């Protein structure tokens, strides 16, 4: 059997929630590729299209365990999403195990993204260049010329470091225990509501699932952060499907102190078009390469290249 090299960045099980109904080809979503400078109009893309994948993104260097992370995602983690959506679509008061699974899904959604890897790569590149500058100054060599001279090697090394760091962070069991404890402690101290869109105005999704309103002192010019934030005052949005979006907000002072996200009754709240548009705006602005939808008119509205 040929080794699986093209690996989903956005999980296929998530993409399938946005499939176009009654399309001539099954398992397709509407997609706008913002990186396609020749044609950035909405196009139908199969959930197994190469646009949703990157070659060897999760592959380890060890041949014996090369696909251990890819297999974990596809065989262990992603099937739980269908179980989560099964309760959500029935609009049940989510069971405790489903709430924990949602937290785990949020954790991995944050860890596995290309956005996360690019941030690590950016920091790695900066550290490598700082080291070159330091050594060049000691040798009385022009540091900027040295950086330019070795730019290809710097780029390659920073990419390799970023991949190793991201994968090791995910596979490190001690770190994972700390991460999941942190996510549980932070996300359960907030109130969860599941927003419902309307059939005429569904939610869109992107390649960087989950965003938050910027309530920190950093990047105040940006309204949205491209990730789920754990700081207490943050307001987080995680689109689950065209119809449902998990909204996570701090409890109010008037709320009973014993309440947390594991024991509250989760409300399903129909929201108006203005709020749907706000969430879709956040999704669009925090995308990296593309947005997806099950509805042509909706995705056409959010083409930020127009």
Protein backbone atom coordinates (compact mmCIF):
# COMPACT_ATOMS: atom_id res chain seq x y z
CA UNK A 1 0.00 0.00 0.00
CA UNK A 2 1.34 3.42 -0.95
CA UNK A 3 2.29 5.60 1.99
CA UNK A 4 -0.12 8.42 2.72
CA UNK A 5 1.85 11.61 2.10
CA UNK A 6 -0.86 14.22 1.45
CA UNK A 7 -2.35 14.99 4.85
CA UNK A 8 -5.39 17.09 5.76
CA UNK A 9 -4.67 20.33 7.59
CA UNK A 10 -8.37 20.92 8.17
CA UNK A 11 -9.89 17.55 9.19
CA UNK A 12 -11.97 15.82 6.52
CA UNK A 13 -14.65 15.07 9.11
CA UNK A 14 -14.99 18.84 9.70
CA UNK A 15 -15.00 19.66 5.97
CA UNK A 16 -17.85 17.21 5.41
CA UNK A 17 -20.12 19.33 7.60
CA UNK A 18 -19.96 21.97 4.83
CA UNK A 19 -20.74 19.73 1.86
CA UNK A 20 -22.91 21.23 -0.86
CA UNK A 21 -26.30 19.56 -0.95
CA UNK A 22 -27.46 18.15 -4.27
CA UNK A 23 -24.18 18.98 -6.00
CA UNK A 24 -23.44 16.98 -9.16
CA UNK A 25 -20.28 15.67 -7.47
CA UNK A 26 -20.58 14.32 -3.91
CA UNK A 27 -18.42 15.45 -0.99
CA UNK A 28 -17.72 18.94 -2.36
CA UNK A 29 -17.66 22.30 -0.57
CA UNK A 30 -17.63 25.83 -1.94
CA UNK A 31 -14.14 27.24 -1.48
CA UNK A 32 -12.41 30.57 -2.11
CA UNK A 33 -8.65 30.23 -2.40
CA UNK A 34 -7.26 33.65 -1.48
CA UNK A 35 -3.78 32.59 -2.61
CA UNK A 36 -4.91 31.90 -6.17
CA UNK A 37 -4.05 35.19 -7.85
CA UNK A 38 -5.52 34.07 -11.17
CA UNK A 39 -8.94 32.88 -9.99
CA UNK A 40 -10.21 33.61 -6.49
CA UNK A 41 -13.89 33.12 -7.25
CA UNK A 42 -15.86 30.44 -5.33
CA UNK A 43 -15.18 26.97 -6.71
CA UNK A 44 -16.43 23.52 -5.68
CA UNK A 45 -13.64 21.49 -4.11
CA UNK A 46 -13.77 17.87 -2.99
CA UNK A 47 -13.02 17.28 0.68
CA UNK A 48 -9.97 15.27 -0.47
CA UNK A 49 -8.74 18.05 -2.75
CA UNK A 50 -5.05 18.95 -2.49
CA UNK A 51 -5.99 22.47 -1.34
CA UNK A 52 -6.97 21.02 2.04
CA UNK A 53 -3.73 19.04 2.39
CA UNK A 54 0.03 19.51 2.72
CA UNK A 55 2.57 16.85 1.84
CA UNK A 56 4.04 15.12 4.91
CA UNK A 57 2.76 17.83 7.25
CA UNK A 58 2.50 15.38 10.18
CA UNK A 59 4.98 12.71 9.01
CA UNK A 60 7.75 11.82 11.43
CA UNK A 61 11.33 11.21 10.33
CA UNK A 62 11.34 7.78 11.98
CA UNK A 63 10.21 5.32 9.24
CA UNK A 64 8.68 2.89 11.76
CA UNK A 65 6.43 5.56 13.30
CA UNK A 66 6.16 7.86 10.29
CA UNK A 67 2.37 8.12 10.33
CA UNK A 68 1.70 7.79 14.05
CA UNK A 69 0.33 11.33 14.37
CA UNK A 70 -1.62 11.19 11.11
CA UNK A 71 -3.17 7.88 12.23
CA UNK A 72 -4.04 9.31 15.64
CA UNK A 73 -5.90 12.20 14.04
CA UNK A 74 -7.72 10.17 11.40
CA UNK A 75 -8.51 7.08 13.49
CA UNK A 76 -8.84 8.33 17.08
CA UNK A 77 -9.54 12.06 17.26
CA UNK A 78 -11.57 12.92 14.18
CA UNK A 79 -14.27 10.25 14.68
CA UNK A 80 -15.13 11.94 18.00
CA UNK A 81 -16.22 15.02 16.05
CA UNK A 82 -19.14 13.11 14.58
CA UNK A 83 -20.14 12.10 18.12
CA UNK A 84 -19.95 15.75 19.22
CA UNK A 85 -22.06 16.91 16.26
CA UNK A 86 -24.56 14.13 16.86
CA UNK A 87 -25.50 15.69 20.21
CA UNK A 88 -25.28 19.25 18.90
CA UNK A 89 -27.59 18.66 15.93
CA UNK A 90 -30.15 17.13 18.29
CA UNK A 91 -29.71 20.29 20.41
CA UNK A 92 -29.16 18.24 23.53
CA UNK A 93 -27.73 19.56 26.77
CA UNK A 94 -24.28 18.17 25.97
CA UNK A 95 -23.08 15.29 28.10
CA UNK A 96 -19.96 15.78 30.18
CA UNK A 97 -17.90 13.47 27.94
CA UNK A 98 -18.95 15.49 24.88
CA UNK A 99 -17.93 18.73 26.59
CA UNK A 100 -14.52 17.24 27.39
CA UNK A 101 -14.22 16.00 23.80
CA UNK A 102 -14.96 19.52 22.60
CA UNK A 103 -12.16 20.88 24.78
CA UNK A 104 -9.81 18.23 23.38
CA UNK A 105 -10.93 19.15 19.86
CA UNK A 106 -10.18 22.82 20.56
CA UNK A 107 -6.75 21.90 21.94
CA UNK A 108 -5.79 19.94 18.84
CA UNK A 109 -7.38 22.50 16.53
CA UNK A 110 -5.01 25.06 18.04
CA UNK A 111 -1.95 22.82 18.00
CA UNK A 112 -2.14 21.23 14.56
CA UNK A 113 -2.73 24.26 12.34
CA UNK A 114 -0.43 25.70 9.71
CA UNK A 115 -0.91 29.03 11.52
CA UNK A 116 0.74 27.54 14.62
CA UNK A 117 3.63 26.11 12.61
CA UNK A 118 4.21 29.41 10.80
CA UNK A 119 4.45 31.21 14.14
CA UNK A 120 7.09 28.73 15.34
CA UNK A 121 8.92 29.09 12.03
CA UNK A 122 8.90 32.88 12.33
CA UNK A 123 10.41 32.73 15.82
CA UNK A 124 12.97 30.12 14.73
CA UNK A 125 14.04 32.25 11.77
CA UNK A 126 14.43 35.27 14.03
CA UNK A 127 16.60 33.32 16.50
CA UNK A 128 18.82 31.93 13.73
CA UNK A 129 19.28 35.39 12.24
CA UNK A 130 20.05 36.88 15.66
CA UNK A 131 22.74 34.25 16.16
CA UNK A 132 24.25 35.06 12.74
CA UNK A 133 24.25 38.77 13.60
CA UNK A 134 25.96 38.09 16.93
CA UNK A 135 28.67 35.90 15.36
CA UNK A 136 29.16 38.30 12.45
CA UNK A 137 29.70 41.28 14.74
CA UNK A 138 32.32 39.33 16.69
CA UNK A 139 34.13 38.57 13.42
CA UNK A 140 33.61 42.12 12.12
CA UNK A 141 31.57 40.84 9.18
CA UNK A 142 28.50 42.62 7.81
CA UNK A 143 25.64 40.66 9.44
CA UNK A 144 23.01 41.59 6.86
CA UNK A 145 25.19 40.32 4.04
CA UNK A 146 25.70 37.04 5.92
CA UNK A 147 21.97 36.64 6.42
CA UNK A 148 21.36 37.33 2.73
CA UNK A 149 24.13 34.88 1.79
CA UNK A 150 22.58 32.05 3.82
CA UNK A 151 18.91 32.97 3.32
CA UNK A 152 18.00 29.65 1.67
CA UNK A 153 19.64 27.64 4.46
CA UNK A 154 18.00 29.83 7.12
CA UNK A 155 14.59 29.29 5.54
CA UNK A 156 15.10 25.53 5.30
CA UNK A 157 16.40 25.22 8.85
CA UNK A 158 13.61 27.34 10.36
CA UNK A 159 11.01 25.20 8.55
CA UNK A 160 12.60 21.98 9.86
CA UNK A 161 12.75 23.35 13.40
CA UNK A 162 9.13 24.50 13.26
CA UNK A 163 7.91 21.08 12.15
CA UNK A 164 9.95 19.28 14.82
CA UNK A 165 8.79 21.62 17.59
CA UNK A 166 5.12 21.45 16.59
CA UNK A 167 5.07 17.66 16.31
CA UNK A 168 7.10 17.13 19.50
CA UNK A 169 4.72 19.43 21.41
CA UNK A 170 1.78 17.31 20.26
CA UNK A 171 3.43 13.94 20.91
CA UNK A 172 5.00 14.81 24.26
CA UNK A 173 2.70 13.09 26.78
CA UNK A 174 3.81 15.22 29.73
CA UNK A 175 3.20 18.41 27.76
CA UNK A 176 -0.11 17.07 26.50
CA UNK A 177 -1.29 16.43 30.07
CA UNK A 178 -0.35 19.99 30.99
CA UNK A 179 -2.03 21.43 27.91
CA UNK A 180 -5.28 19.53 28.38
CA UNK A 181 -5.34 20.46 32.08
CA UNK A 182 -4.80 24.12 31.14
CA UNK A 183 -7.56 24.03 28.51
CA UNK A 184 -9.99 22.31 30.88
CA UNK A 185 -9.21 24.71 33.71
CA UNK A 186 -9.60 27.79 31.52
CA UNK A 187 -12.45 26.83 29.21
CA UNK A 188 -14.64 25.37 31.94
CA UNK A 189 -14.51 28.62 33.89
CA UNK A 190 -16.49 30.26 31.09
CA UNK A 191 -20.05 30.08 29.88
CA UNK A 192 -20.80 28.06 26.76
CA UNK A 193 -23.63 28.88 24.38
CA UNK A 194 -24.28 27.32 20.99
CA UNK A 195 -25.32 29.91 18.43
CA UNK A 196 -27.64 28.88 15.61
CA UNK A 197 -27.52 30.49 12.19
CA UNK A 198 -30.42 30.62 9.75
CA UNK A 199 -30.80 28.58 6.58
CA UNK A 200 -30.49 31.73 4.45
CA UNK A 201 -27.35 32.93 6.28
CA UNK A 202 -25.17 29.96 7.36
CA UNK A 203 -21.78 30.14 9.04
CA UNK A 204 -18.66 29.89 6.91
CA UNK A 205 -15.45 28.13 8.00
CA UNK A 206 -11.76 28.54 7.27
CA UNK A 207 -8.39 26.79 7.48
CA UNK A 208 -7.66 28.20 10.93
CA UNK A 209 -10.57 27.04 13.09
CA UNK A 210 -11.57 29.16 16.04
CA UNK A 211 -10.94 32.83 16.78
CA UNK A 212 -11.36 35.26 19.65
CA UNK A 213 -12.11 38.92 20.15
CA UNK A 214 -9.03 40.90 21.01
CA UNK A 215 -9.36 41.94 24.62
CA UNK A 216 -5.63 41.85 25.46
CA UNK A 217 -3.18 44.73 25.34
CA UNK A 218 -1.50 43.14 22.30
CA UNK A 219 -2.37 43.95 18.68
CA UNK A 220 -5.15 46.32 19.59
CA UNK A 221 -5.50 47.34 15.93
CA UNK A 222 -6.82 43.86 15.17
CA UNK A 223 -10.39 43.10 16.18
CA UNK A 224 -9.88 39.33 15.98
CA UNK A 225 -7.20 36.93 17.19
CA UNK A 226 -6.52 33.95 14.92
CA UNK A 227 -6.83 31.41 17.70
CA UNK A 228 -8.86 30.42 20.76
CA UNK A 229 -7.49 32.45 23.68
CA UNK A 230 -7.43 31.11 27.21
CA UNK A 231 -7.09 34.40 29.10
CA UNK A 232 -10.13 34.95 31.30
CA UNK A 233 -11.69 38.02 29.61
CA UNK A 234 -11.54 36.58 26.09
CA UNK A 235 -14.62 35.87 23.97
CA UNK A 236 -14.12 32.82 21.73
CA UNK A 237 -15.92 31.53 18.66
CA UNK A 238 -15.61 28.03 17.24
CA UNK A 239 -17.72 27.33 14.14
CA UNK A 240 -18.88 23.71 14.30
CA UNK A 241 -20.98 23.49 11.12
CA UNK A 242 -22.97 25.80 8.83
CA UNK A 243 -25.72 25.88 11.46
CA UNK A 244 -23.86 25.84 14.79
CA UNK A 245 -21.10 27.89 16.42
CA UNK A 246 -19.79 27.42 19.96
CA UNK A 247 -19.57 30.74 21.79
CA UNK A 248 -17.41 30.88 24.92
CA UNK A 249 -17.65 33.96 27.16
CA UNK A 250 -16.74 34.85 30.74
CA UNK A 251 -19.42 34.34 33.39
CA UNK A 252 -21.01 37.51 34.68
CA UNK A 253 -20.69 38.66 38.28
CA UNK A 254 -24.39 37.98 38.75
CA UNK A 255 -24.03 34.29 37.77
CA UNK A 256 -23.96 31.75 40.62
CA UNK A 257 -20.36 30.98 41.61
CA UNK A 258 -20.85 27.19 41.40
CA UNK A 259 -21.52 27.29 37.67
CA UNK A 260 -18.95 26.11 35.14
CA UNK A 261 -18.97 24.80 31.57
CA UNK A 262 -19.30 21.20 32.76
CA UNK A 263 -22.47 21.70 34.81
CA UNK A 264 -24.37 24.54 33.14
CA UNK A 265 -27.32 23.88 30.90
CA UNK A 266 -26.08 24.78 27.43
CA UNK A 267 -28.45 27.11 25.62
CA UNK A 268 -29.02 26.90 21.87
CA UNK A 269 -29.61 30.47 20.77
CA UNK A 270 -30.96 31.60 17.41
CA UNK A 271 -28.99 34.70 16.43
CA UNK A 272 -29.81 37.46 13.98
CA UNK A 273 -28.14 38.19 10.63
CA UNK A 274 -26.01 40.96 12.12
CA UNK A 275 -24.40 38.55 14.60
CA UNK A 276 -23.98 35.86 11.92
CA UNK A 277 -22.24 38.43 9.72
CA UNK A 278 -19.95 39.40 12.61
CA UNK A 279 -18.91 35.77 13.14
CA UNK A 280 -18.40 35.23 9.39
CA UNK A 281 -16.31 38.40 9.27
CA UNK A 282 -14.08 37.04 12.03
CA UNK A 283 -13.82 33.71 10.22
CA UNK A 284 -12.90 35.44 6.96
CA UNK A 285 -10.30 37.78 8.48
CA UNK A 286 -8.60 35.02 10.48
CA UNK A 287 -8.31 32.63 7.52
CA UNK A 288 -4.86 31.83 6.19
CA UNK A 289 -5.49 30.64 2.65
CA UNK A 290 -9.17 29.92 2.15
CA UNK A 291 -12.72 29.92 3.42
CA UNK A 292 -15.38 27.27 2.80
CA UNK A 293 -19.18 27.12 2.79
CA UNK A 294 -22.07 24.92 1.74
CA UNK A 295 -23.83 27.92 0.16
CA UNK A 296 -22.63 29.79 -2.94
CA UNK A 297 -24.29 33.14 -2.19
CA UNK A 298 -22.91 33.17 1.35
CA UNK A 299 -19.31 32.49 0.40
CA UNK A 300 -19.51 34.94 -2.49
CA UNK A 301 -20.31 37.70 0.03
CA UNK A 302 -17.14 36.99 1.97
CA UNK A 303 -14.63 37.11 -0.88
CA UNK A 304 -12.16 39.58 0.63
CA UNK A 305 -10.42 39.97 -2.73
CA UNK A 306 -13.47 41.75 -4.19
